[in-house]
N, C-alpha and C. Protein backbone atom coordinates (compact mmCIF):
# COMPACT_ATOMS: atom_id res chain seq x y z
N MET A 1 99.70 104.40 137.69
CA MET A 1 100.55 103.82 138.71
C MET A 1 101.97 104.37 138.54
N ASP A 2 102.54 104.78 139.63
CA ASP A 2 103.90 105.32 139.64
C ASP A 2 104.90 104.18 139.51
N PRO A 3 105.73 104.13 138.43
CA PRO A 3 106.65 103.01 138.24
C PRO A 3 107.67 102.87 139.38
N THR A 4 107.93 103.95 140.09
CA THR A 4 108.90 103.86 141.20
C THR A 4 108.30 103.14 142.39
N SER A 5 106.96 102.98 142.43
CA SER A 5 106.33 102.28 143.55
C SER A 5 106.34 100.77 143.36
N ASN A 6 106.69 100.29 142.17
CA ASN A 6 106.73 98.85 141.89
C ASN A 6 108.14 98.34 142.17
N PRO A 7 108.30 97.47 143.16
CA PRO A 7 109.65 97.02 143.51
C PRO A 7 110.31 96.15 142.44
N THR A 8 109.57 95.65 141.45
CA THR A 8 110.17 94.82 140.42
C THR A 8 110.78 95.66 139.29
N ILE A 9 110.48 96.96 139.26
CA ILE A 9 111.02 97.83 138.22
C ILE A 9 112.05 98.76 138.83
N ASP A 10 113.27 98.65 138.37
CA ASP A 10 114.34 99.53 138.80
C ASP A 10 114.45 100.65 137.77
N PRO A 11 114.04 101.88 138.12
CA PRO A 11 114.04 102.97 137.14
C PRO A 11 115.40 103.19 136.48
N THR A 12 116.48 103.00 137.20
CA THR A 12 117.80 103.20 136.62
C THR A 12 118.08 102.15 135.54
N LYS A 13 117.73 100.89 135.83
CA LYS A 13 117.94 99.82 134.83
C LYS A 13 117.01 100.02 133.63
N LEU A 14 115.78 100.45 133.91
CA LEU A 14 114.84 100.68 132.82
C LEU A 14 115.34 101.79 131.89
N LYS A 15 115.84 102.86 132.47
CA LYS A 15 116.37 103.97 131.67
C LYS A 15 117.57 103.51 130.85
N ALA A 16 118.45 102.74 131.45
CA ALA A 16 119.63 102.24 130.73
C ALA A 16 119.22 101.32 129.58
N ALA A 17 118.24 100.47 129.82
CA ALA A 17 117.79 99.53 128.78
C ALA A 17 117.10 100.26 127.64
N ALA A 18 116.52 101.42 127.92
CA ALA A 18 115.80 102.17 126.89
C ALA A 18 116.72 103.07 126.06
N GLU A 19 117.97 103.21 126.44
CA GLU A 19 118.90 104.02 125.65
C GLU A 19 118.98 103.43 124.24
N PRO A 20 119.01 104.29 123.21
CA PRO A 20 119.00 103.78 121.83
C PRO A 20 120.07 102.73 121.54
N GLY A 21 121.30 102.92 122.03
CA GLY A 21 122.36 101.94 121.76
C GLY A 21 122.07 100.60 122.40
N ALA A 22 121.61 100.61 123.65
CA ALA A 22 121.32 99.36 124.35
C ALA A 22 120.12 98.66 123.73
N PHE A 23 119.06 99.42 123.47
CA PHE A 23 117.86 98.82 122.91
C PHE A 23 118.10 98.34 121.48
N GLY A 24 118.85 99.13 120.70
CA GLY A 24 119.19 98.73 119.33
C GLY A 24 120.03 97.46 119.31
N GLY A 25 120.97 97.35 120.26
CA GLY A 25 121.77 96.13 120.36
C GLY A 25 120.93 94.92 120.69
N TYR A 26 119.96 95.13 121.59
CA TYR A 26 119.05 94.04 121.95
C TYR A 26 118.26 93.59 120.72
N LEU A 27 117.70 94.55 119.98
CA LEU A 27 116.92 94.21 118.79
C LEU A 27 117.78 93.53 117.73
N ALA A 28 119.01 94.01 117.54
CA ALA A 28 119.90 93.43 116.54
C ALA A 28 120.27 91.99 116.87
N ALA A 29 120.28 91.65 118.16
CA ALA A 29 120.66 90.31 118.58
C ALA A 29 119.51 89.31 118.47
N LEU A 30 118.29 89.80 118.24
CA LEU A 30 117.16 88.89 118.10
C LEU A 30 117.31 88.06 116.83
N PRO A 31 116.75 86.86 116.80
CA PRO A 31 116.83 86.05 115.58
C PRO A 31 116.14 86.75 114.42
N HIS A 32 116.62 86.48 113.22
CA HIS A 32 115.99 87.05 112.04
C HIS A 32 114.56 86.56 111.95
N PRO A 33 113.67 87.37 111.40
CA PRO A 33 112.28 86.95 111.29
C PRO A 33 112.15 85.76 110.35
N PRO A 34 111.22 84.87 110.65
CA PRO A 34 111.04 83.72 109.75
C PRO A 34 110.43 84.17 108.44
N MET A 35 111.16 83.96 107.36
CA MET A 35 110.68 84.30 106.03
C MET A 35 111.06 83.15 105.11
N GLY A 36 110.22 82.13 105.08
CA GLY A 36 110.54 80.96 104.28
C GLY A 36 109.87 81.01 102.92
N HIS A 37 110.26 80.11 102.06
CA HIS A 37 109.69 80.02 100.72
C HIS A 37 108.77 78.82 100.58
N ASP A 38 108.39 78.19 101.70
CA ASP A 38 107.69 76.92 101.56
C ASP A 38 106.28 76.94 102.14
N HIS A 39 105.67 78.10 102.29
CA HIS A 39 104.33 78.17 102.85
C HIS A 39 103.42 78.90 101.88
N GLY A 40 102.12 78.83 102.14
CA GLY A 40 101.16 79.51 101.29
C GLY A 40 101.05 80.99 101.62
N PRO A 41 100.09 81.65 100.99
CA PRO A 41 99.88 83.08 101.21
C PRO A 41 99.53 83.39 102.66
N MET A 42 99.90 84.60 103.12
CA MET A 42 99.58 85.05 104.47
C MET A 42 98.16 85.59 104.47
N LYS A 43 97.41 85.24 105.52
CA LYS A 43 96.04 85.72 105.65
C LYS A 43 95.90 86.48 106.95
N SER A 44 95.15 87.54 106.89
CA SER A 44 94.84 88.34 108.06
C SER A 44 93.32 88.42 108.14
N VAL A 45 92.74 88.03 109.29
CA VAL A 45 91.28 88.02 109.44
C VAL A 45 90.89 89.04 110.50
N ARG A 46 89.98 89.93 110.14
CA ARG A 46 89.44 90.91 111.08
C ARG A 46 87.95 90.67 111.21
N THR A 47 87.46 90.79 112.42
CA THR A 47 86.03 90.60 112.65
C THR A 47 85.47 91.76 113.46
N ALA A 48 84.21 92.01 113.28
CA ALA A 48 83.54 93.07 114.03
C ALA A 48 82.05 92.76 114.10
N GLU A 49 81.38 93.40 115.03
CA GLU A 49 79.92 93.33 115.13
C GLU A 49 79.39 94.72 114.82
N TYR A 50 78.33 94.78 114.00
CA TYR A 50 77.73 96.07 113.69
C TYR A 50 76.24 95.88 113.48
N GLN A 51 75.46 96.58 114.29
CA GLN A 51 74.00 96.54 114.23
C GLN A 51 73.47 95.12 114.13
N GLY A 52 74.02 94.24 114.96
CA GLY A 52 73.56 92.86 115.01
C GLY A 52 74.14 91.96 113.93
N HIS A 53 75.03 92.48 113.10
CA HIS A 53 75.64 91.69 112.04
C HIS A 53 77.09 91.41 112.39
N ARG A 54 77.54 90.21 112.07
CA ARG A 54 78.94 89.84 112.30
C ARG A 54 79.69 90.00 110.99
N ILE A 55 80.72 90.83 111.01
CA ILE A 55 81.52 91.12 109.82
C ILE A 55 82.84 90.37 109.93
N SER A 56 83.24 89.71 108.87
CA SER A 56 84.53 89.03 108.81
C SER A 56 85.20 89.42 107.50
N ILE A 57 86.42 89.96 107.60
CA ILE A 57 87.17 90.37 106.41
C ILE A 57 88.50 89.62 106.41
N THR A 58 88.73 88.86 105.36
CA THR A 58 89.99 88.13 105.21
C THR A 58 90.81 88.80 104.11
N THR A 59 92.00 89.22 104.49
CA THR A 59 92.93 89.82 103.54
C THR A 59 94.05 88.82 103.31
N THR A 60 94.34 88.51 102.06
CA THR A 60 95.38 87.54 101.74
C THR A 60 96.54 88.24 101.04
N TYR A 61 97.75 87.97 101.53
CA TYR A 61 98.95 88.54 100.93
C TYR A 61 99.77 87.41 100.32
N GLU A 62 99.95 87.47 99.02
CA GLU A 62 100.82 86.54 98.31
C GLU A 62 101.90 87.41 97.67
N ILE A 63 103.08 87.42 98.31
CA ILE A 63 104.15 88.35 97.93
C ILE A 63 105.30 87.59 97.30
N THR A 64 105.83 88.14 96.22
CA THR A 64 107.07 87.62 95.65
C THR A 64 108.06 88.77 95.50
N VAL A 65 109.33 88.45 95.64
CA VAL A 65 110.42 89.39 95.39
C VAL A 65 111.39 88.67 94.46
N ASP A 66 111.66 89.26 93.34
CA ASP A 66 112.50 88.64 92.32
C ASP A 66 111.98 87.27 91.92
N GLY A 67 110.66 87.15 91.90
CA GLY A 67 110.01 85.90 91.49
C GLY A 67 109.94 84.83 92.56
N LYS A 68 110.48 85.10 93.76
CA LYS A 68 110.48 84.11 94.84
C LYS A 68 109.45 84.49 95.89
N PRO A 69 108.67 83.52 96.36
CA PRO A 69 107.67 83.82 97.40
C PRO A 69 108.33 84.35 98.67
N LEU A 70 107.67 85.30 99.30
CA LEU A 70 108.16 85.89 100.54
C LEU A 70 107.07 85.78 101.60
N MET A 71 107.37 85.08 102.68
CA MET A 71 106.46 84.99 103.81
C MET A 71 106.86 86.08 104.80
N ALA A 72 106.19 87.21 104.74
CA ALA A 72 106.59 88.37 105.52
C ALA A 72 105.80 88.55 106.80
N GLY A 73 104.76 87.78 107.03
CA GLY A 73 103.98 87.92 108.25
C GLY A 73 103.24 89.25 108.33
N LEU A 74 102.54 89.62 107.25
CA LEU A 74 101.80 90.87 107.23
C LEU A 74 100.41 90.67 107.82
N ALA A 75 99.94 91.68 108.55
CA ALA A 75 98.60 91.63 109.13
C ALA A 75 98.01 93.03 109.12
N VAL A 76 96.70 93.11 108.97
CA VAL A 76 95.99 94.38 108.97
C VAL A 76 95.16 94.46 110.25
N ASP A 77 95.25 95.61 110.95
CA ASP A 77 94.44 95.77 112.16
C ASP A 77 93.09 96.39 111.80
N ASP A 78 92.24 96.58 112.80
CA ASP A 78 90.89 97.08 112.56
C ASP A 78 90.87 98.50 112.01
N SER A 79 91.94 99.26 112.20
CA SER A 79 91.99 100.62 111.65
C SER A 79 92.50 100.63 110.21
N GLY A 80 92.92 99.46 109.70
CA GLY A 80 93.43 99.38 108.34
C GLY A 80 94.93 99.51 108.23
N MET A 81 95.61 99.69 109.36
CA MET A 81 97.07 99.80 109.34
C MET A 81 97.69 98.41 109.20
N LEU A 82 98.76 98.34 108.45
CA LEU A 82 99.45 97.09 108.18
C LEU A 82 100.66 96.97 109.09
N SER A 83 100.88 95.79 109.64
CA SER A 83 102.09 95.54 110.43
C SER A 83 102.78 94.31 109.87
N CYS A 84 104.04 94.16 110.27
CA CYS A 84 104.86 93.07 109.77
C CYS A 84 105.61 92.46 110.94
N HIS A 85 105.56 91.14 111.09
CA HIS A 85 106.22 90.47 112.21
C HIS A 85 107.72 90.73 112.24
N GLY A 86 108.33 90.86 111.09
CA GLY A 86 109.77 91.10 111.02
C GLY A 86 110.17 92.53 111.34
N LEU A 87 109.18 93.43 111.42
CA LEU A 87 109.43 94.85 111.69
C LEU A 87 108.41 95.33 112.73
N PRO A 88 108.51 94.84 113.96
CA PRO A 88 107.46 95.10 114.95
C PRO A 88 107.28 96.56 115.34
N ALA A 89 108.26 97.41 115.12
CA ALA A 89 108.15 98.81 115.52
C ALA A 89 107.55 99.69 114.41
N TYR A 90 107.20 99.10 113.28
CA TYR A 90 106.69 99.85 112.14
C TYR A 90 105.20 99.59 111.93
N GLN A 91 104.52 100.57 111.34
CA GLN A 91 103.18 100.38 110.79
C GLN A 91 103.20 100.97 109.39
N PHE A 92 102.44 100.36 108.50
CA PHE A 92 102.46 100.76 107.10
C PHE A 92 101.06 101.01 106.59
N VAL A 93 100.96 101.83 105.54
CA VAL A 93 99.68 102.03 104.87
C VAL A 93 99.60 101.16 103.62
N SER A 94 100.72 100.54 103.23
CA SER A 94 100.69 99.65 102.07
C SER A 94 101.64 98.48 102.26
N ALA A 95 101.28 97.35 101.66
CA ALA A 95 102.13 96.16 101.70
C ALA A 95 103.42 96.40 100.92
N VAL A 96 103.36 97.19 99.86
CA VAL A 96 104.55 97.49 99.07
C VAL A 96 105.58 98.22 99.93
N ASP A 97 105.10 99.19 100.72
CA ASP A 97 106.02 99.90 101.62
C ASP A 97 106.65 98.95 102.62
N ALA A 98 105.88 98.01 103.16
CA ALA A 98 106.41 97.04 104.12
C ALA A 98 107.51 96.19 103.49
N VAL A 99 107.30 95.73 102.26
CA VAL A 99 108.31 94.90 101.59
C VAL A 99 109.55 95.73 101.28
N ARG A 100 109.37 96.97 100.92
CA ARG A 100 110.53 97.84 100.68
C ARG A 100 111.39 97.96 101.94
N VAL A 101 110.74 98.14 103.08
CA VAL A 101 111.49 98.27 104.34
C VAL A 101 112.14 96.94 104.71
N LEU A 102 111.48 95.81 104.44
CA LEU A 102 112.11 94.50 104.67
C LEU A 102 113.38 94.37 103.82
N ILE A 103 113.31 94.73 102.55
CA ILE A 103 114.47 94.64 101.67
C ILE A 103 115.59 95.54 102.19
N HIS A 104 115.24 96.73 102.64
CA HIS A 104 116.24 97.66 103.16
C HIS A 104 116.89 97.14 104.44
N ASN A 105 116.08 96.57 105.35
CA ASN A 105 116.60 96.13 106.65
C ASN A 105 117.23 94.75 106.64
N TYR A 106 116.92 93.92 105.64
CA TYR A 106 117.46 92.57 105.55
C TYR A 106 118.08 92.34 104.17
N PRO A 107 119.06 93.17 103.77
CA PRO A 107 119.62 93.05 102.41
C PRO A 107 120.27 91.70 102.15
N ASP A 108 120.86 91.09 103.15
CA ASP A 108 121.52 89.78 102.95
C ASP A 108 120.49 88.72 102.56
N TYR A 109 119.32 88.78 103.10
CA TYR A 109 118.28 87.81 102.78
C TYR A 109 117.86 87.93 101.31
N PHE A 110 117.93 89.16 100.80
CA PHE A 110 117.49 89.42 99.43
C PHE A 110 118.64 89.47 98.44
N GLY A 111 119.77 88.92 98.79
CA GLY A 111 120.89 88.84 97.87
C GLY A 111 121.81 90.04 97.88
N GLY A 112 121.92 90.69 99.02
CA GLY A 112 122.86 91.81 99.13
C GLY A 112 122.28 93.12 98.68
N GLY A 113 123.12 94.10 98.59
CA GLY A 113 122.65 95.43 98.22
C GLY A 113 121.94 96.08 99.36
N GLY A 114 121.19 97.10 99.11
CA GLY A 114 120.40 97.72 100.17
C GLY A 114 120.37 99.18 100.11
């Protein structure tokens, strides 16, 4: 479908909103991701059907940083890629990499530095 044929989409406004500065400002203004210390481990459940069998895989993430629990909202998709609610534009091959990027992007939450 040609986006110019949809009267609800203004191509000029869409282009302006997609500019890195505008989009980055929008993302920076979003609330910080919820990362509390008062919940249990994060679980990600994947299911599939194969040759008449129902497969269910539960992956549990119990993460600590400096000895404190971290609720990072990690989930694994069917291809095995890891995503994080606090970093929606990223995909990871390891939970350790995801936590490293969280520490880098949210240094104030982790006690400064970065």
